[in-house]
Amino acid sequence: MTQMKERDAQQSMMASRRQFVLGTAAVMACAAMPFPVLAATGAAQQIADHFSSVKTMMGEFVQFGPRGEQTGGKFFIERPGKLRFNYEKPSPMRVISDGKNVVIGNTKLKTWDLYPLNKTPLSLLLADRIDLGNQMVRDVKQEADLTTIVLGDRTIFGDSTITLMFDPKSFELRQWTITDVQKKDTSVMIFNVQSGVQFDPSVFEIPYAEVHGQKRG
């Protein structure tokens, strides 16, 4: 019974991580494209230019779940195609993209979910040239200390939306909130972000032997 409860809790955590990953991809990918709603403003183009020029980046994040739960960790990104999220202990979660596939793993339960990169929004974020054909901007607010953009696309996110918050002076992404179909919010704050970082190739290696050898059921 204890093991079943632990597995259920870990599966709930993994679902939250999936939402985080999809939100991250959409946030960064859309931040790196021109926004039609803001086409007449210099700020939008500057934000787009800033994000499209970032080839590698790393930093820390804090995630707030819909029930008030809080987790954190570190993220690593390298274009084209590579990404990693490490959650702080005691969370055993890992998210890795090696340029071909994306895995969401639980290192404690030894379970992994594998997805082709080109079937996920992460492919938009991690491409050398980011190009979104579907327009997703629903609302924009420009204030003295914050630029807020609300995005939604039924073909990718269903009825969920993502609210992005940028620093209007540095054009850096500060926070985003994912609102799911049940109107529940998951918010992520990023900080201590560094760009132009060189990574060891092992950072983005997927443990395929574990992924394909895991026990099911």
N, C-alpha and C. Protein backbone atom coordinates (compact mmCIF):
# COMPACT_ATOMS: atom_id res chain seq x y z
N MET A 1 0.83 -1.20 0.00
CA MET A 1 0.00 0.00 0.00
C MET A 1 0.86 1.25 0.00
N THR A 2 1.93 1.22 0.82
CA THR A 2 2.84 2.37 0.86
C THR A 2 3.49 2.60 -0.48
N GLN A 3 3.89 1.48 -1.13
CA GLN A 3 4.53 1.60 -2.45
C GLN A 3 3.56 2.15 -3.47
N MET A 4 2.26 1.73 -3.38
CA MET A 4 1.26 2.24 -4.31
C MET A 4 1.06 3.73 -4.12
N LYS A 5 0.99 4.19 -2.86
CA LYS A 5 0.82 5.61 -2.60
C LYS A 5 2.02 6.39 -3.11
N GLU A 6 3.22 5.83 -2.92
CA GLU A 6 4.43 6.51 -3.39
C GLU A 6 4.43 6.62 -4.89
N ARG A 7 4.01 5.50 -5.57
CA ARG A 7 3.97 5.52 -7.03
C ARG A 7 2.95 6.54 -7.53
N ASP A 8 1.78 6.58 -6.87
CA ASP A 8 0.76 7.56 -7.26
C ASP A 8 1.28 8.98 -7.10
N ALA A 9 1.98 9.22 -5.99
CA ALA A 9 2.53 10.56 -5.75
C ALA A 9 3.56 10.92 -6.79
N GLN A 10 4.41 9.94 -7.14
CA GLN A 10 5.44 10.20 -8.13
C GLN A 10 4.83 10.43 -9.51
N GLN A 11 3.75 9.69 -9.83
CA GLN A 11 3.09 9.89 -11.12
C GLN A 11 2.45 11.27 -11.19
N SER A 12 1.90 11.73 -10.05
CA SER A 12 1.35 13.08 -10.01
C SER A 12 2.43 14.11 -10.23
N MET A 13 3.60 13.89 -9.61
CA MET A 13 4.73 14.79 -9.79
C MET A 13 5.18 14.80 -11.24
N MET A 14 5.17 13.62 -11.88
CA MET A 14 5.60 13.54 -13.28
C MET A 14 4.65 14.30 -14.18
N ALA A 15 3.35 14.21 -13.90
CA ALA A 15 2.38 14.96 -14.69
C ALA A 15 2.63 16.45 -14.58
N SER A 16 2.99 16.88 -13.37
CA SER A 16 3.31 18.29 -13.16
C SER A 16 4.55 18.68 -13.94
N ARG A 17 5.54 17.76 -14.00
CA ARG A 17 6.77 18.04 -14.74
C ARG A 17 6.48 18.12 -16.24
N ARG A 18 5.55 17.26 -16.74
CA ARG A 18 5.19 17.33 -18.15
C ARG A 18 4.63 18.70 -18.48
N GLN A 19 3.74 19.18 -17.60
CA GLN A 19 3.14 20.49 -17.83
C GLN A 19 4.23 21.56 -17.82
N PHE A 20 5.18 21.42 -16.90
CA PHE A 20 6.28 22.38 -16.82
C PHE A 20 7.11 22.38 -18.09
N VAL A 21 7.41 21.18 -18.60
CA VAL A 21 8.22 21.08 -19.82
C VAL A 21 7.51 21.70 -21.00
N LEU A 22 6.24 21.37 -21.18
CA LEU A 22 5.49 21.93 -22.30
C LEU A 22 5.37 23.43 -22.16
N GLY A 23 5.18 23.88 -20.94
CA GLY A 23 5.09 25.32 -20.71
C GLY A 23 6.39 26.02 -21.00
N THR A 24 7.50 25.41 -20.59
CA THR A 24 8.80 25.99 -20.85
C THR A 24 9.06 26.12 -22.34
N ALA A 25 8.76 25.05 -23.07
CA ALA A 25 8.99 25.07 -24.51
C ALA A 25 8.18 26.17 -25.17
N ALA A 26 6.92 26.23 -24.83
CA ALA A 26 6.06 27.24 -25.46
C ALA A 26 6.49 28.65 -25.07
N VAL A 27 6.82 28.81 -23.82
CA VAL A 27 7.24 30.13 -23.33
C VAL A 27 8.45 30.64 -24.09
N MET A 28 9.50 29.83 -24.12
CA MET A 28 10.74 30.28 -24.73
C MET A 28 10.63 30.37 -26.24
N ALA A 29 9.93 29.41 -26.84
CA ALA A 29 9.77 29.44 -28.29
C ALA A 29 8.99 30.67 -28.73
N CYS A 30 7.91 30.97 -28.04
CA CYS A 30 7.10 32.12 -28.42
C CYS A 30 7.81 33.42 -28.09
N ALA A 31 8.64 33.39 -27.07
CA ALA A 31 9.39 34.59 -26.72
C ALA A 31 10.42 34.92 -27.77
N ALA A 32 10.78 33.92 -28.57
CA ALA A 32 11.81 34.13 -29.57
C ALA A 32 11.25 34.45 -30.95
N MET A 33 9.95 34.73 -31.05
CA MET A 33 9.35 35.04 -32.34
C MET A 33 8.71 36.41 -32.29
N PRO A 34 8.48 37.03 -33.45
CA PRO A 34 7.78 38.31 -33.45
C PRO A 34 6.33 38.11 -33.05
N PHE A 35 5.78 39.02 -32.24
CA PHE A 35 4.39 38.93 -31.80
C PHE A 35 3.54 39.87 -32.65
N PRO A 36 2.55 39.34 -33.40
CA PRO A 36 1.74 40.19 -34.25
C PRO A 36 0.99 41.26 -33.47
N VAL A 37 0.55 40.90 -32.24
CA VAL A 37 -0.19 41.88 -31.45
C VAL A 37 0.68 43.09 -31.11
N LEU A 38 1.99 42.85 -31.02
CA LEU A 38 2.90 43.92 -30.65
C LEU A 38 3.76 44.37 -31.83
N ALA A 39 3.31 44.08 -33.04
CA ALA A 39 4.14 44.34 -34.21
C ALA A 39 4.53 45.81 -34.34
N ALA A 40 3.67 46.70 -33.83
CA ALA A 40 3.92 48.12 -33.98
C ALA A 40 4.84 48.68 -32.89
N THR A 41 5.22 47.86 -31.93
CA THR A 41 6.03 48.35 -30.83
C THR A 41 7.46 47.85 -30.94
N GLY A 42 8.41 48.71 -30.58
CA GLY A 42 9.82 48.32 -30.62
C GLY A 42 10.15 47.29 -29.57
N ALA A 43 9.44 47.30 -28.44
CA ALA A 43 9.73 46.38 -27.34
C ALA A 43 9.56 44.93 -27.77
N ALA A 44 8.50 44.64 -28.53
CA ALA A 44 8.25 43.26 -28.96
C ALA A 44 9.38 42.74 -29.83
N GLN A 45 9.82 43.56 -30.78
CA GLN A 45 10.89 43.12 -31.67
C GLN A 45 12.20 42.94 -30.92
N GLN A 46 12.44 43.82 -29.96
CA GLN A 46 13.66 43.69 -29.16
C GLN A 46 13.65 42.42 -28.35
N ILE A 47 12.49 42.07 -27.78
CA ILE A 47 12.37 40.82 -27.03
C ILE A 47 12.64 39.63 -27.97
N ALA A 48 12.03 39.66 -29.14
CA ALA A 48 12.22 38.58 -30.11
C ALA A 48 13.69 38.45 -30.50
N ASP A 49 14.34 39.56 -30.77
CA ASP A 49 15.75 39.53 -31.15
C ASP A 49 16.62 38.99 -30.03
N HIS A 50 16.30 39.39 -28.81
CA HIS A 50 17.08 38.95 -27.66
C HIS A 50 17.03 37.44 -27.51
N PHE A 51 15.83 36.87 -27.53
CA PHE A 51 15.70 35.44 -27.30
C PHE A 51 16.22 34.61 -28.47
N SER A 52 16.04 35.10 -29.69
CA SER A 52 16.52 34.33 -30.84
C SER A 52 18.04 34.30 -30.91
N SER A 53 18.69 35.22 -30.24
CA SER A 53 20.16 35.26 -30.24
C SER A 53 20.77 34.36 -29.17
N VAL A 54 19.97 33.85 -28.27
CA VAL A 54 20.49 33.03 -27.17
C VAL A 54 20.62 31.58 -27.65
N LYS A 55 21.86 31.10 -27.75
CA LYS A 55 22.12 29.74 -28.21
C LYS A 55 22.29 28.76 -27.06
N THR A 56 22.84 29.21 -25.95
CA THR A 56 22.96 28.36 -24.77
C THR A 56 22.59 29.19 -23.55
N MET A 57 21.98 28.51 -22.58
CA MET A 57 21.64 29.19 -21.33
C MET A 57 21.44 28.17 -20.22
N MET A 58 21.64 28.62 -18.99
CA MET A 58 21.42 27.79 -17.83
C MET A 58 20.99 28.69 -16.67
N GLY A 59 20.36 28.09 -15.69
CA GLY A 59 19.92 28.88 -14.55
C GLY A 59 19.15 28.02 -13.56
N GLU A 60 18.48 28.69 -12.65
CA GLU A 60 17.70 28.01 -11.63
C GLU A 60 16.22 28.38 -11.77
N PHE A 61 15.37 27.51 -11.24
CA PHE A 61 13.94 27.79 -11.28
C PHE A 61 13.27 27.37 -9.98
N VAL A 62 12.15 28.01 -9.70
CA VAL A 62 11.26 27.60 -8.60
C VAL A 62 9.88 27.44 -9.19
N GLN A 63 9.26 26.31 -8.93
CA GLN A 63 7.94 26.00 -9.48
C GLN A 63 6.91 25.93 -8.36
N PHE A 64 5.77 26.60 -8.57
CA PHE A 64 4.67 26.60 -7.62
C PHE A 64 3.48 25.89 -8.25
N GLY A 65 3.02 24.81 -7.62
CA GLY A 65 1.92 24.02 -8.16
C GLY A 65 0.57 24.56 -7.75
N PRO A 66 -0.50 24.02 -8.35
CA PRO A 66 -1.86 24.50 -8.09
C PRO A 66 -2.34 24.28 -6.67
N ARG A 67 -1.71 23.34 -5.94
CA ARG A 67 -2.10 23.10 -4.54
C ARG A 67 -1.13 23.74 -3.56
N GLY A 68 -0.28 24.64 -4.08
CA GLY A 68 0.66 25.33 -3.22
C GLY A 68 1.99 24.63 -3.05
N GLU A 69 2.16 23.47 -3.71
CA GLU A 69 3.42 22.75 -3.59
C GLU A 69 4.53 23.52 -4.30
N GLN A 70 5.74 23.39 -3.78
CA GLN A 70 6.88 24.15 -4.31
C GLN A 70 8.06 23.22 -4.55
N THR A 71 8.64 23.31 -5.75
CA THR A 71 9.84 22.56 -6.09
C THR A 71 10.79 23.49 -6.83
N GLY A 72 12.03 23.07 -6.97
CA GLY A 72 13.01 23.90 -7.66
C GLY A 72 14.07 23.04 -8.31
N GLY A 73 15.00 23.70 -8.97
CA GLY A 73 16.07 22.96 -9.62
C GLY A 73 16.85 23.82 -10.58
N LYS A 74 17.55 23.16 -11.50
CA LYS A 74 18.38 23.85 -12.48
C LYS A 74 18.01 23.40 -13.89
N PHE A 75 18.17 24.32 -14.86
CA PHE A 75 17.89 23.98 -16.26
C PHE A 75 19.09 24.32 -17.13
N PHE A 76 19.20 23.60 -18.25
CA PHE A 76 20.29 23.77 -19.21
C PHE A 76 19.71 23.66 -20.62
N ILE A 77 20.09 24.58 -21.50
CA ILE A 77 19.59 24.59 -22.87
C ILE A 77 20.74 24.85 -23.84
N GLU A 78 20.76 24.07 -24.91
CA GLU A 78 21.74 24.29 -25.99
C GLU A 78 21.07 24.00 -27.32
N ARG A 79 21.02 25.01 -28.18
CA ARG A 79 20.48 24.82 -29.52
C ARG A 79 21.54 24.24 -30.45
N PRO A 80 21.18 23.36 -31.40
CA PRO A 80 19.82 22.87 -31.64
C PRO A 80 19.52 21.60 -30.85
N GLY A 81 18.34 21.53 -30.29
CA GLY A 81 17.77 20.28 -29.83
C GLY A 81 18.06 19.78 -28.44
N LYS A 82 18.88 20.49 -27.65
CA LYS A 82 19.30 19.91 -26.39
C LYS A 82 18.79 20.69 -25.18
N LEU A 83 18.37 19.93 -24.17
CA LEU A 83 17.79 20.55 -22.98
C LEU A 83 17.86 19.57 -21.81
N ARG A 84 17.94 20.11 -20.59
CA ARG A 84 17.91 19.28 -19.39
C ARG A 84 17.32 20.07 -18.23
N PHE A 85 16.41 19.43 -17.48
CA PHE A 85 15.90 19.97 -16.23
C PHE A 85 16.26 19.00 -15.11
N ASN A 86 16.96 19.48 -14.09
CA ASN A 86 17.24 18.70 -12.89
C ASN A 86 16.46 19.29 -11.72
N TYR A 87 15.64 18.46 -11.09
CA TYR A 87 14.90 18.91 -9.91
C TYR A 87 15.71 18.61 -8.66
N GLU A 88 15.62 19.52 -7.70
CA GLU A 88 16.36 19.36 -6.45
C GLU A 88 15.85 18.15 -5.66
N LYS A 89 16.75 17.54 -4.90
CA LYS A 89 16.35 16.46 -4.00
C LYS A 89 15.37 17.02 -2.96
N PRO A 90 14.39 16.23 -2.53
CA PRO A 90 14.27 14.78 -2.73
C PRO A 90 13.58 14.39 -4.04
N SER A 91 13.23 15.33 -4.89
CA SER A 91 12.57 14.97 -6.15
C SER A 91 13.54 14.16 -7.03
N PRO A 92 13.09 13.02 -7.56
CA PRO A 92 13.95 12.19 -8.41
C PRO A 92 13.77 12.48 -9.90
N MET A 93 13.07 13.56 -10.25
CA MET A 93 12.70 13.80 -11.64
C MET A 93 13.84 14.38 -12.47
N ARG A 94 13.87 13.97 -13.74
CA ARG A 94 14.80 14.49 -14.72
C ARG A 94 14.07 14.64 -16.04
N VAL A 95 14.42 15.68 -16.80
CA VAL A 95 13.91 15.86 -18.15
C VAL A 95 15.11 16.13 -19.05
N ILE A 96 15.25 15.34 -20.13
CA ILE A 96 16.43 15.46 -20.99
C ILE A 96 16.00 15.38 -22.46
N SER A 97 16.55 16.26 -23.27
CA SER A 97 16.42 16.18 -24.72
C SER A 97 17.83 16.14 -25.31
N ASP A 98 18.06 15.17 -26.21
CA ASP A 98 19.40 15.02 -26.80
C ASP A 98 19.46 15.47 -28.25
N GLY A 99 18.37 16.09 -28.73
CA GLY A 99 18.34 16.53 -30.12
C GLY A 99 17.44 15.68 -31.00
N LYS A 100 17.14 14.46 -30.56
CA LYS A 100 16.25 13.56 -31.29
C LYS A 100 15.01 13.21 -30.47
N ASN A 101 15.22 12.92 -29.19
CA ASN A 101 14.14 12.50 -28.31
C ASN A 101 14.15 13.30 -27.02
N VAL A 102 12.99 13.27 -26.34
CA VAL A 102 12.85 13.87 -25.03
C VAL A 102 12.39 12.79 -24.06
N VAL A 103 13.02 12.72 -22.88
CA VAL A 103 12.58 11.77 -21.86
C VAL A 103 12.24 12.51 -20.58
N ILE A 104 11.19 12.01 -19.91
CA ILE A 104 10.83 12.47 -18.57
C ILE A 104 11.02 11.27 -17.67
N GLY A 105 11.96 11.36 -16.73
CA GLY A 105 12.34 10.19 -15.95
C GLY A 105 12.22 10.37 -14.46
N ASN A 106 11.95 9.26 -13.79
CA ASN A 106 11.95 9.19 -12.33
C ASN A 106 13.11 8.27 -11.95
N THR A 107 14.19 8.85 -11.45
CA THR A 107 15.39 8.06 -11.19
C THR A 107 15.23 7.12 -10.00
N LYS A 108 14.25 7.37 -9.16
CA LYS A 108 14.01 6.50 -8.01
C LYS A 108 13.21 5.27 -8.41
N LEU A 109 12.14 5.48 -9.17
CA LEU A 109 11.30 4.36 -9.62
C LEU A 109 11.84 3.70 -10.88
N LYS A 110 12.87 4.32 -11.49
CA LYS A 110 13.47 3.79 -12.72
C LYS A 110 12.44 3.72 -13.86
N THR A 111 11.64 4.77 -13.98
CA THR A 111 10.65 4.83 -15.06
C THR A 111 10.96 6.02 -15.95
N TRP A 112 10.71 5.85 -17.25
CA TRP A 112 11.00 6.89 -18.23
C TRP A 112 9.89 6.95 -19.26
N ASP A 113 9.50 8.16 -19.65
CA ASP A 113 8.59 8.36 -20.77
C ASP A 113 9.38 9.00 -21.90
N LEU A 114 9.30 8.41 -23.11
CA LEU A 114 10.09 8.84 -24.25
C LEU A 114 9.20 9.42 -25.33
N TYR A 115 9.59 10.59 -25.87
CA TYR A 115 8.83 11.25 -26.92
C TYR A 115 9.78 11.72 -28.02
N PRO A 116 9.40 11.58 -29.30
CA PRO A 116 10.22 12.18 -30.37
C PRO A 116 10.22 13.70 -30.21
N LEU A 117 11.38 14.30 -30.29
CA LEU A 117 11.48 15.75 -30.10
C LEU A 117 10.60 16.51 -31.07
N ASN A 118 10.55 16.06 -32.34
CA ASN A 118 9.80 16.81 -33.35
C ASN A 118 8.29 16.71 -33.17
N LYS A 119 7.83 15.91 -32.20
CA LYS A 119 6.41 15.81 -31.91
C LYS A 119 6.03 16.64 -30.68
N THR A 120 6.97 17.38 -30.14
CA THR A 120 6.72 18.19 -28.95
C THR A 120 7.01 19.66 -29.22
N PRO A 121 6.40 20.56 -28.45
CA PRO A 121 6.71 21.99 -28.60
C PRO A 121 8.17 22.32 -28.31
N LEU A 122 8.88 21.39 -27.65
CA LEU A 122 10.30 21.65 -27.39
C LEU A 122 11.09 21.82 -28.68
N SER A 123 10.63 21.19 -29.75
CA SER A 123 11.35 21.32 -31.03
C SER A 123 11.35 22.76 -31.50
N LEU A 124 10.32 23.53 -31.13
CA LEU A 124 10.27 24.94 -31.50
C LEU A 124 11.30 25.74 -30.73
N LEU A 125 11.37 25.47 -29.45
CA LEU A 125 12.33 26.16 -28.58
C LEU A 125 13.76 25.89 -28.99
N LEU A 126 14.05 24.63 -29.33
CA LEU A 126 15.43 24.19 -29.48
C LEU A 126 15.96 24.26 -30.90
N ALA A 127 15.12 24.73 -31.84
CA ALA A 127 15.57 24.84 -33.23
C ALA A 127 16.55 26.00 -33.39
N ASP A 128 17.41 25.90 -34.41
CA ASP A 128 18.31 27.02 -34.70
C ASP A 128 17.52 28.26 -35.10
N ARG A 129 16.49 28.04 -35.89
CA ARG A 129 15.63 29.14 -36.29
C ARG A 129 14.21 28.83 -35.83
N ILE A 130 13.67 29.64 -34.97
CA ILE A 130 12.36 29.40 -34.40
C ILE A 130 11.29 30.01 -35.29
N ASP A 131 10.32 29.19 -35.70
CA ASP A 131 9.27 29.65 -36.60
C ASP A 131 7.95 28.98 -36.22
N LEU A 132 7.03 29.75 -35.72
CA LEU A 132 5.70 29.24 -35.37
C LEU A 132 4.70 29.71 -36.43
N GLY A 133 4.02 28.75 -37.07
CA GLY A 133 3.05 29.12 -38.09
C GLY A 133 1.73 29.59 -37.49
N ASN A 134 1.33 29.01 -36.35
CA ASN A 134 0.05 29.37 -35.74
C ASN A 134 0.24 30.52 -34.76
N GLN A 135 -0.57 31.54 -34.88
CA GLN A 135 -0.48 32.69 -33.99
C GLN A 135 -1.18 32.36 -32.67
N MET A 136 -0.51 32.61 -31.56
CA MET A 136 -1.02 32.18 -30.27
C MET A 136 -1.27 33.32 -29.29
N VAL A 137 -0.96 34.54 -29.68
CA VAL A 137 -1.07 35.65 -28.75
C VAL A 137 -2.54 36.01 -28.50
N ARG A 138 -2.95 35.97 -27.26
CA ARG A 138 -4.33 36.30 -26.89
C ARG A 138 -4.46 37.67 -26.23
N ASP A 139 -3.43 38.07 -25.50
CA ASP A 139 -3.51 39.35 -24.80
C ASP A 139 -2.10 39.84 -24.50
N VAL A 140 -1.94 41.16 -24.45
CA VAL A 140 -0.66 41.79 -24.15
C VAL A 140 -0.88 42.98 -23.24
N LYS A 141 -0.05 43.10 -22.22
CA LYS A 141 -0.08 44.27 -21.34
C LYS A 141 1.34 44.79 -21.17
N GLN A 142 1.52 46.08 -21.40
CA GLN A 142 2.82 46.70 -21.21
C GLN A 142 2.72 47.71 -20.08
N GLU A 143 3.48 47.47 -19.01
CA GLU A 143 3.53 48.37 -17.87
C GLU A 143 4.97 48.81 -17.66
N ALA A 144 5.15 49.73 -16.75
CA ALA A 144 6.48 50.29 -16.53
C ALA A 144 7.49 49.24 -16.08
N ASP A 145 7.04 48.27 -15.27
CA ASP A 145 7.96 47.30 -14.71
C ASP A 145 7.73 45.88 -15.20
N LEU A 146 6.81 45.69 -16.15
CA LEU A 146 6.49 44.34 -16.59
C LEU A 146 5.80 44.35 -17.95
N THR A 147 6.21 43.43 -18.82
CA THR A 147 5.50 43.17 -20.07
C THR A 147 4.89 41.78 -19.97
N THR A 148 3.57 41.69 -20.06
CA THR A 148 2.87 40.41 -19.89
C THR A 148 2.20 40.00 -21.19
N ILE A 149 2.41 38.74 -21.58
CA ILE A 149 1.84 38.21 -22.82
C ILE A 149 1.11 36.91 -22.50
N VAL A 150 -0.13 36.80 -22.93
CA VAL A 150 -0.93 35.59 -22.71
C VAL A 150 -1.02 34.83 -24.03
N LEU A 151 -0.67 33.54 -23.99
CA LEU A 151 -0.65 32.70 -25.18
C LEU A 151 -1.60 31.52 -25.04
N GLY A 152 -2.15 31.09 -26.16
CA GLY A 152 -2.98 29.89 -26.18
C GLY A 152 -3.08 29.34 -27.58
N ASP A 153 -3.04 28.01 -27.71
CA ASP A 153 -3.17 27.37 -29.01
C ASP A 153 -3.79 26.00 -28.79
N ARG A 154 -5.02 25.83 -29.25
CA ARG A 154 -5.75 24.59 -29.01
C ARG A 154 -5.04 23.39 -29.63
N THR A 155 -4.34 23.58 -30.74
CA THR A 155 -3.70 22.45 -31.41
C THR A 155 -2.52 21.90 -30.61
N ILE A 156 -1.96 22.70 -29.71
CA ILE A 156 -0.82 22.27 -28.91
C ILE A 156 -1.19 22.07 -27.45
N PHE A 157 -1.94 23.02 -26.89
CA PHE A 157 -2.20 23.02 -25.46
C PHE A 157 -3.65 22.73 -25.09
N GLY A 158 -4.52 22.45 -26.04
CA GLY A 158 -5.93 22.30 -25.72
C GLY A 158 -6.51 23.63 -25.27
N ASP A 159 -7.22 23.62 -24.15
CA ASP A 159 -7.84 24.85 -23.63
C ASP A 159 -6.95 25.57 -22.63
N SER A 160 -5.73 25.12 -22.43
CA SER A 160 -4.85 25.77 -21.46
C SER A 160 -4.21 27.02 -22.06
N THR A 161 -3.77 27.92 -21.20
CA THR A 161 -3.08 29.13 -21.63
C THR A 161 -1.80 29.31 -20.82
N ILE A 162 -0.93 30.16 -21.35
CA ILE A 162 0.34 30.47 -20.69
C ILE A 162 0.49 31.98 -20.62
N THR A 163 0.77 32.48 -19.44
CA THR A 163 1.00 33.92 -19.25
C THR A 163 2.49 34.14 -18.99
N LEU A 164 3.13 34.93 -19.84
CA LEU A 164 4.57 35.21 -19.76
C LEU A 164 4.80 36.59 -19.19
N MET A 165 5.83 36.70 -18.36
CA MET A 165 6.16 37.98 -17.75
C MET A 165 7.63 38.31 -18.02
N PHE A 166 7.85 39.46 -18.70
CA PHE A 166 9.19 39.88 -19.08
C PHE A 166 9.60 41.16 -18.37
N ASP A 167 10.89 41.31 -18.16
CA ASP A 167 11.44 42.58 -17.71
C ASP A 167 11.49 43.51 -18.91
N PRO A 168 10.80 44.65 -18.88
CA PRO A 168 10.75 45.53 -20.06
C PRO A 168 12.06 46.23 -20.36
N LYS A 169 13.00 46.24 -19.41
CA LYS A 169 14.28 46.91 -19.63
C LYS A 169 15.35 45.95 -20.17
N SER A 170 15.45 44.78 -19.55
CA SER A 170 16.47 43.81 -19.98
C SER A 170 15.94 42.83 -21.01
N PHE A 171 14.60 42.78 -21.19
CA PHE A 171 13.93 41.86 -22.11
C PHE A 171 14.06 40.40 -21.69
N GLU A 172 14.41 40.16 -20.45
CA GLU A 172 14.59 38.79 -19.97
C GLU A 172 13.28 38.23 -19.42
N LEU A 173 13.08 36.94 -19.66
CA LEU A 173 11.91 36.25 -19.12
C LEU A 173 12.10 36.05 -17.63
N ARG A 174 11.10 36.44 -16.83
CA ARG A 174 11.18 36.34 -15.38
C ARG A 174 10.30 35.24 -14.81
N GLN A 175 9.12 35.08 -15.39
CA GLN A 175 8.16 34.16 -14.81
C GLN A 175 7.11 33.79 -15.85
N TRP A 176 6.53 32.59 -15.70
CA TRP A 176 5.36 32.23 -16.50
C TRP A 176 4.38 31.43 -15.65
N THR A 177 3.11 31.49 -16.05
CA THR A 177 2.06 30.75 -15.37
C THR A 177 1.27 29.95 -16.41
N ILE A 178 1.14 28.65 -16.17
CA ILE A 178 0.35 27.78 -17.02
C ILE A 178 -1.00 27.58 -16.37
N THR A 179 -2.07 27.90 -17.09
CA THR A 179 -3.44 27.67 -16.62
C THR A 179 -4.02 26.52 -17.42
N ASP A 180 -4.36 25.40 -16.74
CA ASP A 180 -4.82 24.21 -17.45
C ASP A 180 -6.31 24.28 -17.72
N VAL A 181 -6.85 23.20 -18.29
CA VAL A 181 -8.25 23.20 -18.69
C VAL A 181 -9.19 23.27 -17.49
N GLN A 182 -8.69 22.90 -16.29
CA GLN A 182 -9.48 23.03 -15.07
C GLN A 182 -9.27 24.38 -14.38
N LYS A 183 -8.57 25.29 -15.09
CA LYS A 183 -8.28 26.63 -14.57
C LYS A 183 -7.36 26.59 -13.36
N LYS A 184 -6.51 25.58 -13.28
CA LYS A 184 -5.52 25.49 -12.22
C LYS A 184 -4.19 26.04 -12.71
N ASP A 185 -3.52 26.80 -11.86
CA ASP A 185 -2.28 27.48 -12.24
C ASP A 185 -1.04 26.77 -11.73
N THR A 186 -0.02 26.71 -12.59
CA THR A 186 1.33 26.30 -12.20
C THR A 186 2.27 27.41 -12.63
N SER A 187 2.98 28.00 -11.68
CA SER A 187 3.85 29.15 -11.97
C SER A 187 5.31 28.76 -11.81
N VAL A 188 6.15 29.32 -12.67
CA VAL A 188 7.58 29.05 -12.64
C VAL A 188 8.34 30.38 -12.69
N MET A 189 9.24 30.56 -11.74
CA MET A 189 10.12 31.72 -11.73
C MET A 189 11.54 31.24 -12.04
N ILE A 190 12.26 31.97 -12.92
CA ILE A 190 13.64 31.63 -13.23
C ILE A 190 14.56 32.75 -12.78
N PHE A 191 15.78 32.38 -12.40
CA PHE A 191 16.73 33.37 -11.88
C PHE A 191 18.15 32.84 -12.04
N ASN A 192 19.12 33.71 -11.80
CA ASN A 192 20.53 33.37 -11.95
C ASN A 192 20.81 32.77 -13.34
N VAL A 193 20.19 33.35 -14.36
CA VAL A 193 20.32 32.84 -15.73
C VAL A 193 21.64 33.31 -16.35
N GLN A 194 22.35 32.38 -16.96
CA GLN A 194 23.59 32.68 -17.67
C GLN A 194 23.44 32.23 -19.12
N SER A 195 23.94 33.01 -20.05
CA SER A 195 23.91 32.64 -21.46
C SER A 195 25.34 32.52 -21.99
N GLY A 196 25.48 31.91 -23.16
CA GLY A 196 26.80 31.73 -23.75
C GLY A 196 27.66 30.74 -22.99
N VAL A 197 27.03 29.74 -22.37
CA VAL A 197 27.73 28.75 -21.56
C VAL A 197 28.10 27.55 -22.42
N GLN A 198 29.27 26.95 -22.16
CA GLN A 198 29.67 25.73 -22.85
C GLN A 198 29.38 24.53 -21.95
N PHE A 199 28.75 23.50 -22.53
CA PHE A 199 28.37 22.33 -21.77
C PHE A 199 29.14 21.10 -22.23
N ASP A 200 29.40 20.19 -21.29
CA ASP A 200 29.93 18.88 -21.64
C ASP A 200 28.82 18.09 -22.33
N PRO A 201 29.14 17.34 -23.38
CA PRO A 201 28.09 16.57 -24.10
C PRO A 201 27.30 15.64 -23.20
N SER A 202 27.89 15.18 -22.10
CA SER A 202 27.21 14.24 -21.22
C SER A 202 25.98 14.85 -20.54
N VAL A 203 25.93 16.18 -20.48
CA VAL A 203 24.79 16.84 -19.84
C VAL A 203 23.49 16.46 -20.52
N PHE A 204 23.54 16.25 -21.84
CA PHE A 204 22.32 16.00 -22.61
C PHE A 204 22.21 14.56 -23.10
N GLU A 205 22.94 13.65 -22.47
CA GLU A 205 22.87 12.24 -22.85
C GLU A 205 21.64 11.58 -22.22
N ILE A 206 20.86 10.89 -23.05
CA ILE A 206 19.72 10.11 -22.57
C ILE A 206 20.18 8.68 -22.26
N PRO A 207 19.86 8.14 -21.09
CA PRO A 207 20.26 6.76 -20.75
C PRO A 207 19.34 5.75 -21.45
N TYR A 208 19.58 5.55 -22.75
CA TYR A 208 18.67 4.71 -23.54
C TYR A 208 18.59 3.26 -23.03
N ALA A 209 19.68 2.76 -22.47
CA ALA A 209 19.64 1.40 -21.93
C ALA A 209 18.60 1.27 -20.83
N GLU A 210 18.52 2.29 -19.97
CA GLU A 210 17.51 2.29 -18.92
C GLU A 210 16.11 2.52 -19.48
N VAL A 211 16.02 3.43 -20.44
CA VAL A 211 14.71 3.76 -21.02
C VAL A 211 14.08 2.53 -21.67
N HIS A 212 14.86 1.81 -22.48
CA HIS A 212 14.34 0.66 -23.20
C HIS A 212 14.29 -0.60 -22.35
N GLY A 213 15.05 -0.63 -21.26
CA GLY A 213 15.09 -1.81 -20.43
C GLY A 213 14.19 -1.78 -19.21
N GLN A 214 13.47 -0.67 -19.03
CA GLN A 214 12.62 -0.54 -17.85
C GLN A 214 11.47 -1.54 -17.86
N LYS A 215 11.04 -1.90 -16.64
CA LYS A 215 9.91 -2.81 -16.49
C LYS A 215 8.62 -2.03 -16.54
N ARG A 216 7.63 -2.58 -17.20
CA ARG A 216 6.32 -1.96 -17.32
C ARG A 216 5.31 -2.70 -16.44
N GLY A 217 4.23 -1.95 -16.07
CA GLY A 217 3.17 -2.60 -15.32
C GLY A 217 3.33 -2.47 -13.84
